[in-house]
Amino acid sequence: MSIVKLFKSHNRPADRFTQLVSPEIEVLYRFAYRLCQNTDDAEDLVQQLLTRLFHKLEELERIESLRPWLMRSLYNLYVDSYRKQQSMLRVISPGEMPDNVVSAEATPHERAELTDRQQVILAAMRQLNDDQRMVMMLHDAEGYTLPELADILQTPIGTLKSRLHRGRNQVKEMTEKELFGHQQRDISEEEHI
């Protein structure tokens, strides 16, 4: 095959890879953003995943349910990166802490864009453990079913149901306390007047 035919052909590995993963990029990015809580790190995570998978095109083409497989791969890559970052932070003294360490705190710009209610819900979500937060994000925000999550997270459905239930209850309690606790204090103050 001549080089001209090769480049005119739309069956090159890069084209096949693009056709295969393009429909999944937006979903992968949203998931990465929810994991990283940071635009730059989310983009880096997705890029790192795609770079690793590019050379495994033929394997990817044989996967029946590509989206759950990609989500699981992204999650595993995030966990590996997180563990690596945590071990690095243990070695670095607090005075040597790099400026680009991801913070769970929202930036002032991000806080300004959110309503008070959204801020309360996000603050409550941040207080959940990682497992509960992950299941709630994927199930409630992204719309994955429990069987899909069992495949993505490699966790039994019963465990996922438990995490989802406990996480929802904790968020509900924290948000009610924050949102309605202020109203009850105001009402009780008015009664004393």
Protein backbone atom coordinates (compact mmCIF):
# COMPACT_ATOMS: atom_id res chain seq x y z
CA MET A 1 0.00 0.00 0.00
CA SER A 2 1.38 3.38 -0.94
CA ILE A 3 1.75 6.13 1.63
CA VAL A 4 -0.87 8.21 -0.22
CA LYS A 5 -3.44 5.41 -0.01
CA LEU A 6 -2.62 4.89 3.64
CA PHE A 7 -3.35 8.52 4.48
CA LYS A 8 -6.46 8.63 2.31
CA SER A 9 -7.78 5.53 3.96
CA HIS A 10 -10.10 6.18 6.88
CA ASN A 11 -9.25 2.84 8.36
CA ARG A 12 -6.02 3.95 9.99
CA PRO A 13 -5.61 3.03 13.67
CA ALA A 14 -5.90 6.69 14.71
CA ASP A 15 -9.20 7.05 12.84
CA ARG A 16 -10.58 3.82 14.27
CA PHE A 17 -9.51 4.84 17.77
CA THR A 18 -11.15 8.25 17.37
CA GLN A 19 -14.40 6.71 16.12
CA LEU A 20 -14.42 4.27 19.00
CA VAL A 21 -13.75 6.64 21.90
CA SER A 22 -15.15 9.97 20.65
CA PRO A 23 -18.70 9.25 21.84
CA GLU A 24 -17.34 8.51 25.33
CA ILE A 25 -15.07 11.55 25.81
CA GLU A 26 -17.70 13.84 27.35
CA VAL A 27 -18.84 11.17 29.81
CA LEU A 28 -15.25 10.34 30.73
CA TYR A 29 -14.45 14.00 31.29
CA ARG A 30 -17.52 14.55 33.52
CA PHE A 31 -16.58 11.51 35.57
CA ALA A 32 -12.95 12.63 35.80
CA TYR A 33 -14.04 16.10 36.88
CA ARG A 34 -16.22 14.65 39.62
CA LEU A 35 -13.27 12.59 40.79
CA CYS A 36 -10.63 15.33 40.62
CA GLN A 37 -12.79 18.38 41.40
CA ASN A 38 -10.48 20.30 39.08
CA THR A 39 -10.63 21.02 35.34
CA ASP A 40 -6.92 20.64 34.62
CA ASP A 41 -6.53 17.39 36.53
CA ALA A 42 -9.68 15.96 34.94
CA GLU A 43 -8.36 16.73 31.47
CA ASP A 44 -4.99 15.23 32.36
CA LEU A 45 -6.63 12.08 33.71
CA VAL A 46 -8.70 11.53 30.55
CA GLN A 47 -5.70 12.27 28.35
CA GLN A 48 -3.56 9.83 30.32
CA LEU A 49 -6.21 7.13 29.94
CA LEU A 50 -6.57 7.68 26.19
CA THR A 51 -2.81 7.69 25.73
CA ARG A 52 -2.55 4.35 27.49
CA LEU A 53 -5.42 2.86 25.50
CA PHE A 54 -4.34 4.05 22.05
CA HIS A 55 -1.94 1.16 21.64
CA LYS A 56 -4.63 -1.33 22.68
CA LEU A 57 -7.06 -0.51 19.88
CA GLU A 58 -7.72 -4.10 18.85
CA GLU A 59 -8.51 -5.07 22.45
CA LEU A 60 -10.87 -2.10 22.77
CA GLU A 61 -12.72 -3.09 19.60
CA ARG A 62 -13.47 -6.51 21.11
CA ILE A 63 -15.01 -5.11 24.31
CA GLU A 64 -18.78 -5.55 24.34
CA SER A 65 -19.75 -2.75 26.74
CA LEU A 66 -17.10 -0.15 26.18
CA ARG A 67 -18.47 2.69 28.34
CA PRO A 68 -18.50 0.78 31.66
CA TRP A 69 -15.09 -0.65 30.84
CA LEU A 70 -13.69 2.83 30.14
CA MET A 71 -15.27 4.22 33.32
CA ARG A 72 -13.72 1.43 35.39
CA SER A 73 -10.34 2.04 33.73
CA LEU A 74 -10.58 5.77 34.43
CA TYR A 75 -11.53 5.12 38.04
CA ASN A 76 -8.63 2.69 38.50
CA LEU A 77 -6.24 5.21 36.95
CA TYR A 78 -7.55 7.90 39.31
CA VAL A 79 -7.08 5.64 42.34
CA ASP A 80 -3.53 4.81 41.26
CA SER A 81 -2.75 8.51 40.71
CA TYR A 82 -4.32 9.45 44.04
CA ARG A 83 -2.30 6.84 45.91
CA LYS A 84 0.88 7.97 44.19
CA GLN A 85 0.13 11.60 45.08
CA GLN A 86 -0.59 10.70 48.71
CA SER A 87 2.67 8.81 49.06
CA MET A 88 4.52 11.79 47.55
CA LEU A 89 2.83 14.18 49.99
CA ARG A 90 3.96 12.06 52.94
CA VAL A 91 7.55 12.46 51.80
CA ILE A 92 7.33 16.22 51.25
CA SER A 93 7.46 18.37 54.35
CA PRO A 94 4.65 20.95 54.75
CA GLY A 95 7.06 23.81 53.96
CA GLU A 96 7.93 22.17 50.63
CA MET A 97 4.29 21.61 49.60
CA PRO A 98 3.82 22.34 45.89
CA ASP A 99 1.31 25.02 44.90
CA ASN A 100 -0.55 22.80 42.45
CA VAL A 101 -1.86 20.22 44.95
CA VAL A 102 -5.58 19.70 44.35
CA SER A 103 -7.79 21.06 47.09
CA ALA A 104 -11.28 19.81 47.83
CA GLU A 105 -12.27 23.42 48.51
CA ALA A 106 -14.05 25.28 45.74
CA THR A 107 -12.33 28.33 44.34
CA PRO A 108 -13.99 31.71 44.95
CA HIS A 109 -15.06 31.79 41.30
CA GLU A 110 -16.69 28.34 41.59
CA ARG A 111 -18.45 29.33 44.82
CA ALA A 112 -19.87 32.49 43.23
CA GLU A 113 -21.45 30.42 40.46
CA LEU A 114 -23.31 28.16 42.84
CA THR A 115 -26.50 28.94 44.65
CA ASP A 116 -26.58 28.69 48.43
CA ARG A 117 -28.49 25.43 48.26
CA GLN A 118 -26.01 23.94 45.80
CA GLN A 119 -23.13 24.99 48.04
CA VAL A 120 -24.76 23.27 51.01
CA ILE A 121 -25.29 20.07 49.02
CA LEU A 122 -21.72 20.10 47.68
CA ALA A 123 -20.35 20.68 51.18
CA ALA A 124 -22.41 17.73 52.43
CA MET A 125 -21.16 15.56 49.55
CA ARG A 126 -17.55 16.44 50.41
CA GLN A 127 -18.12 15.11 53.93
CA LEU A 128 -19.10 11.66 52.67
CA ASN A 129 -16.47 8.96 52.44
CA ASP A 130 -15.02 8.39 48.97
CA ASP A 131 -17.01 5.20 48.32
CA GLN A 132 -20.38 6.78 49.12
CA ARG A 133 -19.60 9.94 47.16
CA MET A 134 -18.49 7.91 44.13
CA VAL A 135 -21.66 5.79 44.06
CA MET A 136 -23.91 8.83 44.50
CA MET A 137 -22.14 10.77 41.74
CA LEU A 138 -22.29 7.92 39.26
CA HIS A 139 -25.81 6.77 40.13
CA ASP A 140 -27.65 10.00 40.92
CA ALA A 141 -25.74 12.53 38.82
CA GLU A 142 -24.60 10.43 35.85
CA GLY A 143 -27.54 8.01 35.76
CA TYR A 144 -25.71 4.69 35.87
CA THR A 145 -27.72 1.71 37.06
CA LEU A 146 -26.55 -0.42 39.97
CA PRO A 147 -25.60 -3.36 37.69
CA GLU A 148 -23.51 -0.97 35.57
CA LEU A 149 -21.87 0.42 38.70
CA ALA A 150 -21.14 -3.09 39.93
CA ASP A 151 -19.25 -3.63 36.69
CA ILE A 152 -17.50 -0.24 36.74
CA LEU A 153 -16.46 -0.28 40.39
CA GLN A 154 -16.07 -4.06 40.70
CA THR A 155 -18.27 -4.04 43.81
CA PRO A 156 -21.28 -6.23 44.70
CA ILE A 157 -24.70 -4.64 44.10
CA GLY A 158 -25.69 -5.08 47.77
CA THR A 159 -22.67 -3.05 48.87
CA LEU A 160 -23.49 -0.36 46.32
CA LYS A 161 -27.11 -0.18 47.52
CA SER A 162 -25.89 0.22 51.08
CA ARG A 163 -23.42 2.98 50.16
CA LEU A 164 -26.05 4.78 48.11
CA HIS A 165 -28.64 4.60 50.90
CA ARG A 166 -26.23 5.72 53.63
CA GLY A 167 -24.78 8.49 51.46
CA ARG A 168 -28.21 9.86 50.57
CA ASN A 169 -29.29 9.79 54.21
CA GLN A 170 -26.15 11.60 55.36
CA VAL A 171 -26.50 14.27 52.67
CA LYS A 172 -30.18 14.70 53.55
CA GLU A 173 -29.44 15.08 57.26
CA MET A 174 -26.56 17.51 56.70
CA THR A 175 -28.46 19.65 54.20
CA GLU A 176 -31.62 19.76 56.32
CA LYS A 177 -29.58 20.76 59.33
CA GLU A 178 -27.80 23.48 57.36
CA LEU A 179 -30.77 24.77 55.36
CA PHE A 180 -33.56 24.41 57.89
CA GLY A 181 -31.53 24.75 61.07
CA HIS A 182 -31.08 28.46 60.30
CA GLN A 183 -34.81 28.91 59.73
CA GLN A 184 -35.68 27.22 63.02
CA ARG A 185 -33.16 29.40 64.87
CA ASP A 186 -34.73 32.49 63.31
CA ILE A 187 -38.23 31.32 64.27
CA SER A 188 -37.19 30.57 67.86
CA GLU A 189 -35.50 33.97 68.10
CA GLU A 190 -38.71 35.64 66.90
CA GLU A 191 -40.71 33.73 69.51
CA HIS A 192 -38.47 35.05 72.29
CA ILE A 193 -39.00 38.64 71.17
